[in-house]
C-alpha atoms as a PDB file:
ATOM      1  CA  MET A   1      -2.730  17.446 -11.534  1.00  0.00           C
ATOM      2  CA  LEU A   2      -4.057  17.723  -7.966  1.00  0.00           C
ATOM      3  CA  ALA A   3      -1.757  17.084  -4.977  1.00  0.00           C
ATOM      4  CA  GLU A   4      -3.592  13.848  -4.079  1.00  0.00           C
ATOM      5  CA  GLU A   5      -3.289  12.617  -7.663  1.00  0.00           C
ATOM      6  CA  ARG A   6       0.445  13.417  -7.700  1.00  0.00           C
ATOM      7  CA  LYS A   7       0.933  11.485  -4.476  1.00  0.00           C
ATOM      8  CA  GLU A   8      -0.866   8.497  -5.954  1.00  0.00           C
ATOM      9  CA  VAL A   9       1.502   8.574  -8.952  1.00  0.00           C
ATOM     10  CA  ILE A  10       4.492   8.657  -6.602  1.00  0.00           C
ATOM     11  CA  ILE A  11       3.164   5.728  -4.562  1.00  0.00           C
ATOM     12  CA  SER A  12       2.326   3.719  -7.678  1.00  0.00           C
ATOM     13  CA  ARG A  13       5.843   4.198  -9.039  1.00  0.00           C
ATOM     14  CA  LEU A  14       7.400   3.254  -5.699  1.00  0.00           C
ATOM     15  CA  GLU A  15       5.290   0.088  -5.516  1.00  0.00           C
ATOM     16  CA  LYS A  16       6.793  -1.015  -8.826  1.00  0.00           C
ATOM     17  CA  SER A  17      10.413   0.126  -8.499  1.00  0.00           C
ATOM     18  CA  GLY A  18      11.078   0.558  -4.777  1.00  0.00           C
ATOM     19  CA  SER A  19      12.922   3.843  -5.306  1.00  0.00           C
ATOM     20  CA  MET A  20      13.023   6.807  -7.690  1.00  0.00           C
ATOM     21  CA  SER A  21      15.349   9.706  -8.356  1.00  0.00           C
ATOM     22  CA  THR A  22      14.265  13.314  -8.021  1.00  0.00           C
ATOM     23  CA  LYS A  23      14.999  13.788 -11.714  1.00  0.00           C
ATOM     24  CA  GLU A  24      12.641  10.933 -12.670  1.00  0.00           C
ATOM     25  CA  LEU A  25       9.877  12.300 -10.470  1.00  0.00           C
ATOM     26  CA  LEU A  26      10.133  15.794 -11.920  1.00  0.00           C
ATOM     27  CA  GLU A  27       9.948  14.390 -15.453  1.00  0.00           C
ATOM     28  CA  VAL A  28       6.969  12.155 -14.675  1.00  0.00           C
ATOM     29  CA  LEU A  29       4.966  14.769 -12.759  1.00  0.00           C
ATOM     30  CA  GLY A  30       5.939  17.892 -14.680  1.00  0.00           C
ATOM     31  CA  ILE A  31       6.052  20.061 -11.549  1.00  0.00           C
ATOM     32  CA  SER A  32       8.540  22.349  -9.818  1.00  0.00           C
ATOM     33  CA  SER A  33      11.137  21.082  -7.345  1.00  0.00           C
ATOM     34  CA  MET A  34       9.416  22.980  -4.527  1.00  0.00           C
ATOM     35  CA  THR A  35       6.053  21.328  -5.252  1.00  0.00           C
ATOM     36  CA  LEU A  36       7.676  17.905  -5.471  1.00  0.00           C
ATOM     37  CA  TRP A  37       9.370  18.236  -2.096  1.00  0.00           C
ATOM     38  CA  ARG A  38       6.113  19.351  -0.485  1.00  0.00           C
ATOM     39  CA  ASP A  39       4.489  16.141  -1.746  1.00  0.00           C
ATOM     40  CA  ILE A  40       7.449  14.032  -0.621  1.00  0.00           C
ATOM     41  CA  ASN A  41       7.486  15.636   2.838  1.00  0.00           C
ATOM     42  CA  SER A  42       3.783  14.871   3.217  1.00  0.00           C
ATOM     43  CA  LEU A  43       4.235  11.212   2.244  1.00  0.00           C
ATOM     44  CA  GLU A  44       7.309  10.886   4.464  1.00  0.00           C
ATOM     45  CA  LYS A  45       5.289  12.098   7.470  1.00  0.00           C
ATOM     46  CA  GLN A  46       2.696   9.413   6.680  1.00  0.00           C
ATOM     47  CA  GLY A  47       5.404   6.751   6.888  1.00  0.00           C
ATOM     48  CA  VAL A  48       5.134   5.795   3.226  1.00  0.00           C
ATOM     49  CA  LEU A  49       8.639   6.674   2.050  1.00  0.00           C
ATOM     50  CA  LYS A  50      11.918   8.209   3.123  1.00  0.00           C
ATOM     51  CA  ARG A  51      14.199  10.663   1.403  1.00  0.00           C
ATOM     52  CA  ILE A  52      17.622   9.496   0.267  1.00  0.00           C
ATOM     53  CA  HIS A  53      20.388  11.334  -1.553  1.00  0.00           C
ATOM     54  CA  GLY A  54      19.019  12.287  -4.949  1.00  0.00           C
ATOM     55  CA  GLY A  55      15.585  10.731  -4.534  1.00  0.00           C
ATOM     56  CA  ILE A  56      13.205   8.654  -2.440  1.00  0.00           C
ATOM     57  CA  THR A  57      12.757   5.022  -1.427  1.00  0.00           C
ATOM     58  CA  ALA A  58       9.799   3.036  -0.126  1.00  0.00           C
ATOM     59  CA  ILE A  59       9.856   2.101   3.552  1.00  0.00           C
ATOM     60  CA  LYS A  60      10.092  -1.668   3.811  1.00  0.00           C
ATOM     61  CA  LYS A  61       9.722  -3.791   6.921  1.00  0.00           C
ATOM     62  CA  PRO A  62      10.827  -7.410   7.459  1.00  0.00           C
ATOM     63  CA  LYS A  63       7.430  -8.950   6.782  1.00  0.00           C
ATOM     64  CA  ARG A  64       5.827 -10.522   3.753  1.00  0.00           C
ATOM     65  CA  SER A  65       5.149  -7.640   1.413  1.00  0.00           C
ATOM     66  CA  GLY A  66       1.638  -6.386   0.758  1.00  0.00           C
ATOM     67  CA  ILE A  67       2.831  -3.394  -1.260  1.00  0.00           C
ATOM     68  CA  ALA A  68       1.940  -4.675  -4.728  1.00  0.00           C
ATOM     69  CA  GLU A  69      -1.717  -4.057  -5.517  1.00  0.00           C
ATOM     70  CA  ASN A  70      -3.806  -6.290  -7.776  1.00  0.00           C
ATOM     71  CA  THR A  71      -6.870  -5.196  -9.704  1.00  0.00           C
ATOM     72  CA  VAL A  72     -10.323  -5.942  -8.289  1.00  0.00           C
ATOM     73  CA  SER A  73     -10.931  -8.622 -10.913  1.00  0.00           C
ATOM     74  CA  VAL A  74      -7.810 -10.462  -9.724  1.00  0.00           C
ATOM     75  CA  LYS A  75      -8.291  -9.894  -5.972  1.00  0.00           C
ATOM     76  CA  ARG A  76     -11.852 -11.214  -5.915  1.00  0.00           C
ATOM     77  CA  LEU A  77     -10.604 -14.627  -7.079  1.00  0.00           C
ATOM     78  CA  ILE A  78      -7.878 -14.939  -4.412  1.00  0.00           C
ATOM     79  CA  ASN A  79      -9.102 -17.066  -1.473  1.00  0.00           C
ATOM     80  CA  GLU A  80     -12.648 -16.581  -2.756  1.00  0.00           C
ATOM     81  CA  GLY A  81     -14.093 -19.348  -0.592  1.00  0.00           C
ATOM     82  CA  LYS A  82     -12.689 -17.827   2.589  1.00  0.00           C
ATOM     83  CA  LYS A  83     -13.985 -14.381   1.657  1.00  0.00           C
ATOM     84  CA  LEU A  84     -17.484 -15.713   1.032  1.00  0.00           C
ATOM     85  CA  ALA A  85     -17.479 -17.585   4.343  1.00  0.00           C
ATOM     86  CA  LEU A  86     -16.511 -14.439   6.278  1.00  0.00           C
ATOM     87  CA  ALA A  87     -19.075 -12.338   4.401  1.00  0.00           C
ATOM     88  CA  GLU A  88     -21.914 -14.784   5.024  1.00  0.00           C
ATOM     89  CA  TYR A  89     -21.020 -14.936   8.723  1.00  0.00           C
ATOM     90  CA  ALA A  90     -20.973 -11.126   8.915  1.00  0.00           C
ATOM     91  CA  VAL A  91     -24.443 -10.749   7.402  1.00  0.00           C
ATOM     92  CA  ARG A  92     -25.918 -13.515   9.543  1.00  0.00           C
ATOM     93  CA  ASN A  93     -24.485 -12.254  12.827  1.00  0.00           C
ATOM     94  CA  PHE A  94     -24.082  -8.497  12.672  1.00  0.00           C
ATOM     95  CA  ILE A  95     -26.577  -6.798  10.333  1.00  0.00           C
ATOM     96  CA  SER A  96     -30.139  -6.038  11.428  1.00  0.00           C
ATOM     97  CA  PRO A  97     -33.118  -4.375   9.702  1.00  0.00           C
ATOM     98  CA  GLY A  98     -32.801  -0.602   9.766  1.00  0.00           C
ATOM     99  CA  ASP A  99     -29.004  -0.567   9.984  1.00  0.00           C
ATOM    100  CA  ILE A 100     -26.833   1.891   8.112  1.00  0.00           C
ATOM    101  CA  ILE A 101     -23.702  -0.009   7.101  1.00  0.00           C
ATOM    102  CA  THR A 102     -20.481   1.213   5.522  1.00  0.00           C
ATOM    103  CA  LEU A 103     -18.702  -1.135   3.126  1.00  0.00           C
ATOM    104  CA  GLU A 104     -15.160  -0.170   2.181  1.00  0.00           C
ATOM    105  CA  GLY A 105     -13.871  -1.202  -1.205  1.00  0.00           C
ATOM    106  CA  GLY A 106     -12.018  -4.446  -0.547  1.00  0.00           C
ATOM    107  CA  THR A 107     -13.206  -7.637  -2.197  1.00  0.00           C
ATOM    108  CA  THR A 108     -13.729  -9.453   1.132  1.00  0.00           C
ATOM    109  CA  VAL A 109     -16.119  -6.749   2.282  1.00  0.00           C
ATOM    110  CA  ALA A 110     -17.729  -6.554  -1.163  1.00  0.00           C
ATOM    111  CA  SER A 111     -18.690 -10.233  -0.830  1.00  0.00           C
ATOM    112  CA  ILE A 112     -21.231  -9.173   1.816  1.00  0.00           C
ATOM    113  CA  VAL A 113     -23.501  -7.860  -0.956  1.00  0.00           C
ATOM    114  CA  GLN A 114     -24.190 -11.409  -2.168  1.00  0.00           C
ATOM    115  CA  PHE A 115     -25.909 -12.299   1.126  1.00  0.00           C
ATOM    116  CA  LEU A 116     -28.049  -9.193   1.644  1.00  0.00           C
ATOM    117  CA  GLU A 117     -31.196 -10.181  -0.242  1.00  0.00           C
ATOM    118  CA  LYS A 118     -33.435 -10.607   2.825  1.00  0.00           C
ATOM    119  CA  LEU A 119     -32.193  -7.384   4.412  1.00  0.00           C
ATOM    120  CA  ALA A 120     -31.544  -5.152   1.423  1.00  0.00           C
ATOM    121  CA  GLU A 121     -34.798  -3.188   1.458  1.00  0.00           C
ATOM    122  CA  THR A 122     -34.470  -2.412   5.173  1.00  0.00           C
ATOM    123  CA  ILE A 123     -30.860  -1.210   5.352  1.00  0.00           C
ATOM    124  CA  THR A 124     -28.772   1.609   3.867  1.00  0.00           C
ATOM    125  CA  ILE A 125     -25.360   0.944   2.364  1.00  0.00           C
ATOM    126  CA  LEU A 126     -22.647   3.614   2.274  1.00  0.00           C
ATOM    127  CA  THR A 127     -19.583   2.895   0.146  1.00  0.00           C
ATOM    128  CA  ASN A 128     -16.714   4.400  -1.839  1.00  0.00           C
ATOM    129  CA  SER A 129     -16.587   1.373  -4.143  1.00  0.00           C
ATOM    130  CA  MET A 130     -17.678   1.466  -7.767  1.00  0.00           C
ATOM    131  CA  TYR A 131     -17.262  -2.315  -7.778  1.00  0.00           C
ATOM    132  CA  ILE A 132     -19.829  -2.673  -4.981  1.00  0.00           C
ATOM    133  CA  CYS A 133     -22.217  -0.291  -6.769  1.00  0.00           C
ATOM    134  CA  ASN A 134     -21.999  -2.388  -9.922  1.00  0.00           C
ATOM    135  CA  LEU A 135     -22.320  -5.633  -7.960  1.00  0.00           C
ATOM    136  CA  VAL A 136     -25.507  -4.499  -6.218  1.00  0.00           C
ATOM    137  CA  THR A 137     -27.207  -3.713  -9.518  1.00  0.00           C
ATOM    138  CA  GLN A 138     -26.786  -7.350 -10.629  1.00  0.00           C
ATOM    139  CA  PHE A 139     -29.172  -8.639  -7.958  1.00  0.00           C
ATOM    140  CA  ASN A 140     -32.947  -8.681  -8.310  1.00  0.00           C
ATOM    141  CA  TYR A 141     -33.870  -6.880  -5.114  1.00  0.00           C
ATOM    142  CA  GLU A 142     -34.453  -3.317  -4.020  1.00  0.00           C
ATOM    143  CA  TYR A 143     -31.645  -1.582  -2.178  1.00  0.00           C
ATOM    144  CA  ASN A 144     -30.720   1.734  -0.597  1.00  0.00           C
ATOM    145  CA  LEU A 145     -27.177   2.594  -1.576  1.00  0.00           C
ATOM    146  CA  VAL A 146     -25.246   5.867  -1.365  1.00  0.00           C
ATOM    147  CA  CYS A 147     -21.834   6.175  -3.039  1.00  0.00           C
ATOM    148  CA  SER A 148     -19.308   8.788  -1.976  1.00  0.00           C
ATOM    149  CA  GLY A 149     -17.906   9.952  -5.303  1.00  0.00           C
ATOM    150  CA  GLY A 150     -14.420  11.454  -5.496  1.00  0.00           C
ATOM    151  CA  ILE A 151     -11.288  10.604  -7.468  1.00  0.00           C
ATOM    152  CA  LEU A 152     -11.701   7.132  -8.984  1.00  0.00           C
ATOM    153  CA  ARG A 153      -8.694   4.814  -8.627  1.00  0.00           C
ATOM    154  CA  LYS A 154      -8.833   2.450 -11.580  1.00  0.00           C
ATOM    155  CA  ILE A 155      -6.874  -0.405  -9.996  1.00  0.00           C
ATOM    156  CA  SER A 156      -9.126  -0.635  -6.928  1.00  0.00           C
ATOM    157  CA  ASN A 157     -12.345   0.762  -8.447  1.00  0.00           C
ATOM    158  CA  THR A 158     -12.700   2.979  -5.380  1.00  0.00           C
ATOM    159  CA  PHE A 159     -13.244   6.688  -4.858  1.00  0.00           C
ATOM    160  CA  VAL A 160     -10.599   8.527  -2.836  1.00  0.00           C
ATOM    161  CA  GLY A 161      -9.496  12.104  -2.204  1.00  0.00           C
ATOM    162  CA  PRO A 162     -11.101  15.102  -0.464  1.00  0.00           C
ATOM    163  CA  SER A 163     -14.648  14.524  -1.747  1.00  0.00           C
ATOM    164  CA  ALA A 164     -14.706  10.907  -0.556  1.00  0.00           C
ATOM    165  CA  GLN A 165     -13.240  11.902   2.808  1.00  0.00           C
ATOM    166  CA  ALA A 166     -15.797  14.686   3.235  1.00  0.00           C
ATOM    167  CA  PHE A 167     -18.620  12.263   2.434  1.00  0.00           C
ATOM    168  CA  PHE A 168     -17.668   9.851   5.206  1.00  0.00           C
ATOM    169  CA  ASN A 169     -17.023  12.711   7.608  1.00  0.00           C
ATOM    170  CA  SER A 170     -20.653  13.758   7.180  1.00  0.00           C
ATOM    171  CA  HIS A 171     -22.328  10.317   7.027  1.00  0.00           C
ATOM    172  CA  LYS A 172     -22.491   8.153  10.155  1.00  0.00           C
ATOM    173  CA  SER A 173     -23.124   4.426  10.140  1.00  0.00           C
ATOM    174  CA  ASN A 174     -24.022   1.769  12.693  1.00  0.00           C
ATOM    175  CA  ILE A 175     -21.403  -0.657  11.403  1.00  0.00           C
ATOM    176  CA  LEU A 176     -18.268  -0.366   9.278  1.00  0.00           C
ATOM    177  CA  PHE A 177     -16.991  -3.546   7.641  1.00  0.00           C
ATOM    178  CA  ILE A 178     -13.321  -3.172   6.834  1.00  0.00           C
ATOM    179  CA  SER A 179     -10.479  -5.280   5.521  1.00  0.00           C
ATOM    180  CA  SER A 180      -6.901  -4.632   4.431  1.00  0.00           C
ATOM    181  CA  ALA A 181      -3.974  -5.935   2.407  1.00  0.00           C
ATOM    182  CA  GLY A 182      -2.292  -7.353   5.478  1.00  0.00           C
ATOM    183  CA  PHE A 183      -2.092  -7.703   9.243  1.00  0.00           C
ATOM    184  CA  ASP A 184       0.871  -8.156  11.553  1.00  0.00           C
ATOM    185  CA  ASN A 185       1.095  -8.252  15.319  1.00  0.00           C
ATOM    186  CA  GLU A 186       3.172  -5.083  15.568  1.00  0.00           C
ATOM    187  CA  THR A 187       1.255  -2.682  13.338  1.00  0.00           C
ATOM    188  CA  GLY A 188      -2.191  -4.182  12.777  1.00  0.00           C
ATOM    189  CA  LEU A 189      -4.118  -3.658   9.548  1.00  0.00           C
ATOM    190  CA  THR A 190      -2.049  -2.135   6.725  1.00  0.00           C
ATOM    191  CA  ASP A 191      -2.735  -1.065   3.140  1.00  0.00           C
ATOM    192  CA  PRO A 192      -0.571  -0.070   0.164  1.00  0.00           C
ATOM    193  CA  ASN A 193      -2.180   3.253  -0.770  1.00  0.00           C
ATOM    194  CA  PRO A 194      -2.310   6.363   1.469  1.00  0.00           C
ATOM    195  CA  LEU A 195      -5.368   7.756  -0.284  1.00  0.00           C
ATOM    196  CA  GLU A 196      -7.318   4.586   0.481  1.00  0.00           C
ATOM    197  CA  VAL A 197      -6.111   4.674   4.076  1.00  0.00           C
ATOM    198  CA  GLN A 198      -7.251   8.273   4.531  1.00  0.00           C
ATOM    199  CA  VAL A 199     -10.778   7.406   3.408  1.00  0.00           C
ATOM    200  CA  LYS A 200     -10.889   4.309   5.622  1.00  0.00           C
ATOM    201  CA  GLN A 201      -9.832   6.403   8.611  1.00  0.00           C
ATOM    202  CA  ASN A 202     -12.732   8.789   7.967  1.00  0.00           C
ATOM    203  CA  MET A 203     -15.069   5.779   7.812  1.00  0.00           C
ATOM    204  CA  ILE A 204     -13.718   4.536  11.140  1.00  0.00           C
ATOM    205  CA  GLN A 205     -14.204   7.892  12.853  1.00  0.00           C
ATOM    206  CA  ASN A 206     -17.881   7.984  11.908  1.00  0.00           C
ATOM    207  CA  ALA A 207     -18.937   4.386  12.585  1.00  0.00           C
ATOM    208  CA  ASP A 208     -20.474   3.182  15.848  1.00  0.00           C
ATOM    209  CA  LYS A 209     -18.890  -0.251  15.442  1.00  0.00           C
ATOM    210  CA  VAL A 210     -15.868  -1.379  13.390  1.00  0.00           C
ATOM    211  CA  ILE A 211     -15.741  -5.006  12.268  1.00  0.00           C
ATOM    212  CA  ALA A 212     -12.591  -6.278  10.570  1.00  0.00           C
ATOM    213  CA  LEU A 213     -12.981  -9.133   8.071  1.00  0.00           C
ATOM    214  CA  LEU A 214      -9.592 -10.673   7.340  1.00  0.00           C
ATOM    215  CA  ASP A 215      -8.975 -14.133   5.942  1.00  0.00           C
ATOM    216  CA  SER A 216      -6.056 -16.089   7.377  1.00  0.00           C
ATOM    217  CA  SER A 217      -3.787 -15.504   4.355  1.00  0.00           C
ATOM    218  CA  LYS A 218      -3.505 -11.815   5.304  1.00  0.00           C
ATOM    219  CA  PHE A 219      -1.675 -12.519   8.559  1.00  0.00           C
ATOM    220  CA  ASP A 220       2.028 -11.701   8.811  1.00  0.00           C
ATOM    221  CA  VAL A 221       1.741  -9.506   5.704  1.00  0.00           C
ATOM    222  CA  HIS A 222       2.885  -5.910   6.066  1.00  0.00           C
ATOM    223  CA  SER A 223       1.909  -3.236   3.564  1.00  0.00           C
ATOM    224  CA  LEU A 224       2.943   0.409   3.465  1.00  0.00           C
ATOM    225  CA  MET A 225       0.671   2.155   5.937  1.00  0.00           C
ATOM    226  CA  LYS A 226      -1.313   1.424   9.095  1.00  0.00           C
ATOM    227  CA  VAL A 227      -5.067   1.669   8.636  1.00  0.00           C
ATOM    228  CA  VAL A 228      -6.465   1.552  12.166  1.00  0.00           C
ATOM    229  CA  ASP A 229      -5.365   1.341  15.790  1.00  0.00           C
ATOM    230  CA  PHE A 230      -6.044  -1.942  17.588  1.00  0.00           C
ATOM    231  CA  LYS A 231      -8.325  -0.155  20.042  1.00  0.00           C
ATOM    232  CA  ASP A 232     -10.645   0.991  17.260  1.00  0.00           C
ATOM    233  CA  ILE A 233     -11.534  -2.546  16.096  1.00  0.00           C
ATOM    234  CA  ASP A 234     -14.595  -3.845  17.930  1.00  0.00           C
ATOM    235  CA  ILE A 235     -14.822  -7.320  16.376  1.00  0.00           C
ATOM    236  CA  PHE A 236     -12.228  -9.302  14.402  1.00  0.00           C
ATOM    237  CA  VAL A 237     -13.500 -12.021  12.052  1.00  0.00           C
ATOM    238  CA  THR A 238     -11.189 -14.542  10.403  1.00  0.00           C
ATOM    239  CA  ASP A 239     -11.291 -18.171   9.269  1.00  0.00           C
ATOM    240  CA  SER A 240     -10.292 -21.459  10.862  1.00  0.00           C
ATOM    241  CA  CYS A 241      -7.034 -21.680   8.892  1.00  0.00           C
ATOM    242  CA  ILE A 242      -5.545 -19.005  11.175  1.00  0.00           C
ATOM    243  CA  LYS A 243      -2.245 -20.114  12.728  1.00  0.00           C
ATOM    244  CA  PRO A 244      -2.393 -20.913  16.472  1.00  0.00           C
ATOM    245  CA  GLU A 245       0.143 -18.198  17.304  1.00  0.00           C
ATOM    246  CA  ASP A 246      -1.888 -15.548  15.462  1.00  0.00           C
ATOM    247  CA  LYS A 247      -5.079 -16.654  17.181  1.00  0.00           C
ATOM    248  CA  ALA A 248      -3.321 -16.545  20.548  1.00  0.00           C
ATOM    249  CA  PHE A 249      -2.070 -13.022  19.874  1.00  0.00           C
ATOM    250  CA  LEU A 250      -5.529 -11.716  18.994  1.00  0.00           C
ATOM    251  CA  MET A 251      -7.088 -13.268  22.065  1.00  0.00           C
ATOM    252  CA  THR A 252      -4.320 -12.022  24.359  1.00  0.00           C
ATOM    253  CA  ALA A 253      -4.652  -8.544  22.845  1.00  0.00           C
ATOM    254  CA  GLY A 254      -8.290  -8.521  23.914  1.00  0.00           C
ATOM    255  CA  PHE A 255     -10.013  -8.658  20.548  1.00  0.00           C
ATOM    256  CA  ASP A 256     -13.560  -9.970  20.267  1.00  0.00           C
ATOM    257  CA  LEU A 257     -12.360 -12.718  17.931  1.00  0.00           C
ATOM    258  CA  ARG A 258     -14.750 -14.725  15.761  1.00  0.00           C
ATOM    259  CA  VAL A 259     -13.308 -17.712  13.894  1.00  0.00           C
ATOM    260  CA  VAL A 260     -15.423 -18.995  10.997  1.00  0.00           C
ATOM    261  CA  GLU A 261     -15.142 -22.726  10.332  1.00  0.00           C
ATOM    262  CA  LEU A 262     -14.439 -23.613   6.703  1.00  0.00           C
END
């Protein structure tokens, strides 16, 4: 098992149980104590977990939890109307013929595909999402799509790991559309899986413009790991159900905030 795969197993177990003993981890992973502690040290530096006597525990913060991760088939049905409204707004206002766009694997961003018919033949889509690849093939129009490949995470239907990171390091885009499991005013966008976060950070580094699509239900939700610094988000798109205090924060923080009426 590769190091990145072992780390994903550790994170998955922590998401379910909150903590694990060293003995349990060694039995599950079938590795040496030295290898295990290297993996744990790496994840601890990323802010995912902390070591305790005899094991590890997930780092929790006093926010609504976004640690648990649903499958794509479940996530796409949650706040579907809001996601479609944000996606339609994004296509109408930000994408132009000839653009190279990166779509990360979240279901809000994936909804963009449904509104691309008039632009599809003129743009190039970069993604790490098997779900988006499958979704595109269901529409009766030509498209230019390049998928990263890598280690496929079944729960998210996304490719992660070194190959996916290398792909986005070597492919630039005009616009990156990104979402996350949660957003809070202290940390920003957060996600539950470090491997997903690593790929998203490579996307961010190689995009001319970063546009965050986040429906209002994601506010005041904190997941395990920060995705992006505030300064790296160029435009923030949400819906009109956003709470006044959250809207005020975003405007005070200097975001180019777009609120989509529902």
